[in-house]
């Protein structure tokens, strides 16, 4: 795989599970526990894929998505939004925005299903 993946996730157990599984496939995974930390990491080392949880401390994932999609060099990075709380209506509203994600997934999600969705 060889990809650099940036995971915005405050649920450490979920984050470690995702990291372990992607690293077993040869990917490098950086984990950001909050929005600002993740934005800093994305700017410092452009990822090949961003997995972004909506439920983050300080700055929610929708705002982070907007900031990432407006940044030169990061706007074209595939971005998957993950949420344990958002409804389909919330996802549909966000899909209508100019700064939308490529994919919207509900947590918990099995790693095999996540991998299938990100590999499209």
Protein backbone atom coordinates (compact mmCIF):
# COMPACT_ATOMS: atom_id res chain seq x y z
CA UNK A 1 0.00 0.00 0.00
CA UNK A 2 2.71 2.52 0.98
CA UNK A 3 0.28 5.34 1.61
CA UNK A 4 0.52 8.09 4.22
CA UNK A 5 -2.78 8.24 6.08
CA UNK A 6 -3.79 10.99 8.47
CA UNK A 7 -6.47 9.95 10.97
CA UNK A 8 -8.29 12.62 12.97
CA UNK A 9 -9.73 10.63 15.88
CA UNK A 10 -10.26 11.26 19.59
CA UNK A 11 -11.34 7.65 20.33
CA UNK A 12 -7.92 6.12 21.03
CA UNK A 13 -9.10 2.49 20.83
CA UNK A 14 -10.66 3.02 17.40
CA UNK A 15 -7.61 5.01 16.24
CA UNK A 16 -5.19 2.28 17.30
CA UNK A 17 -7.29 -0.40 15.61
CA UNK A 18 -7.31 1.56 12.34
CA UNK A 19 -3.56 2.27 12.61
CA UNK A 20 -2.66 -1.37 13.32
CA UNK A 21 -4.70 -2.65 10.38
CA UNK A 22 -3.45 -0.09 7.85
CA UNK A 23 0.17 -0.51 8.99
CA UNK A 24 -0.17 -4.27 8.46
CA UNK A 25 -0.87 -3.37 4.81
CA UNK A 26 2.26 -1.21 4.61
CA UNK A 27 0.69 2.21 5.15
CA UNK A 28 2.03 4.90 7.48
CA UNK A 29 -0.64 6.26 9.83
CA UNK A 30 -0.43 9.49 11.81
CA UNK A 31 -3.11 10.11 14.44
CA UNK A 32 -4.33 13.54 15.45
CA UNK A 33 -6.43 13.73 18.60
CA UNK A 34 -7.92 17.13 17.73
CA UNK A 35 -8.57 19.31 14.71
CA UNK A 36 -5.73 21.80 15.07
CA UNK A 37 -3.12 19.09 15.61
CA UNK A 38 -4.36 17.33 12.48
CA UNK A 39 -4.31 20.50 10.40
CA UNK A 40 -0.71 21.07 11.48
CA UNK A 41 0.23 17.48 10.57
CA UNK A 42 -1.52 17.70 7.18
CA UNK A 43 0.34 20.90 6.35
CA UNK A 44 3.72 19.54 7.48
CA UNK A 45 3.43 16.16 5.71
CA UNK A 46 0.84 15.95 2.94
CA UNK A 47 -1.13 12.72 3.40
CA UNK A 48 -2.44 10.48 0.61
CA UNK A 49 -5.70 9.90 2.49
CA UNK A 50 -7.46 11.69 5.34
CA UNK A 51 -9.85 9.89 7.69
CA UNK A 52 -11.69 12.55 9.66
CA UNK A 53 -13.94 11.94 12.65
CA UNK A 54 -16.63 14.57 13.19
CA UNK A 55 -16.48 14.20 16.97
CA UNK A 56 -13.27 16.02 17.87
CA UNK A 57 -12.43 18.28 20.82
CA UNK A 58 -12.11 21.99 20.10
CA UNK A 59 -12.97 22.02 16.39
CA UNK A 60 -15.48 19.62 14.87
CA UNK A 61 -14.68 17.57 11.81
CA UNK A 62 -16.96 19.52 9.46
CA UNK A 63 -14.97 22.70 10.16
CA UNK A 64 -11.69 20.80 9.75
CA UNK A 65 -12.95 19.44 6.41
CA UNK A 66 -13.71 22.98 5.23
CA UNK A 67 -10.24 24.18 6.23
CA UNK A 68 -8.50 21.24 4.54
CA UNK A 69 -10.48 21.54 1.31
CA UNK A 70 -9.64 25.25 1.02
CA UNK A 71 -5.90 24.74 1.49
CA UNK A 72 -3.61 24.60 -1.53
CA UNK A 73 -1.96 21.21 -1.78
CA UNK A 74 -4.57 19.52 0.41
CA UNK A 75 -7.82 20.24 -1.45
CA UNK A 76 -7.37 17.21 -3.70
CA UNK A 77 -6.45 14.73 -0.95
CA UNK A 78 -9.23 12.12 -0.64
CA UNK A 79 -11.09 12.74 2.60
CA UNK A 80 -13.45 10.33 4.37
CA UNK A 81 -15.69 11.61 7.14
CA UNK A 82 -16.44 9.21 9.99
CA UNK A 83 -19.08 9.73 12.66
CA UNK A 84 -20.71 7.78 15.44
CA UNK A 85 -23.37 10.47 15.97
CA UNK A 86 -24.25 12.11 12.62
CA UNK A 87 -27.47 11.08 10.92
CA UNK A 88 -27.92 10.47 7.20
CA UNK A 89 -29.63 13.90 7.03
CA UNK A 90 -26.53 15.58 8.46
CA UNK A 91 -24.35 13.73 5.94
CA UNK A 92 -26.70 14.72 3.08
CA UNK A 93 -26.57 18.39 4.10
CA UNK A 94 -22.76 18.32 4.14
CA UNK A 95 -22.62 16.59 0.74
CA UNK A 96 -24.29 19.67 -0.77
CA UNK A 97 -21.43 21.96 0.27
CA UNK A 98 -18.51 22.95 -1.93
CA UNK A 99 -16.05 21.74 0.73
CA UNK A 100 -17.44 18.24 0.96
CA UNK A 101 -15.76 14.91 1.64
CA UNK A 102 -15.45 12.09 -0.88
CA UNK A 103 -17.08 9.57 1.45
CA UNK A 104 -19.23 9.54 4.60
CA UNK A 105 -19.20 6.53 6.92
CA UNK A 106 -20.82 5.65 10.23
CA UNK A 107 -18.79 4.26 13.14
CA UNK A 108 -18.35 1.67 14.37
CA UNK A 109 -17.21 0.20 11.09
CA UNK A 110 -15.34 -3.04 10.54
CA UNK A 111 -11.85 -2.49 9.13
CA UNK A 112 -12.61 -4.66 6.08
CA UNK A 113 -15.59 -2.42 5.26
CA UNK A 114 -13.52 0.73 5.81
CA UNK A 115 -10.75 -0.61 3.54
CA UNK A 116 -13.26 -1.50 0.83
CA UNK A 117 -14.79 2.00 0.92
CA UNK A 118 -11.48 3.88 0.82
CA UNK A 119 -10.15 1.69 -2.01
CA UNK A 120 -13.44 2.27 -3.85
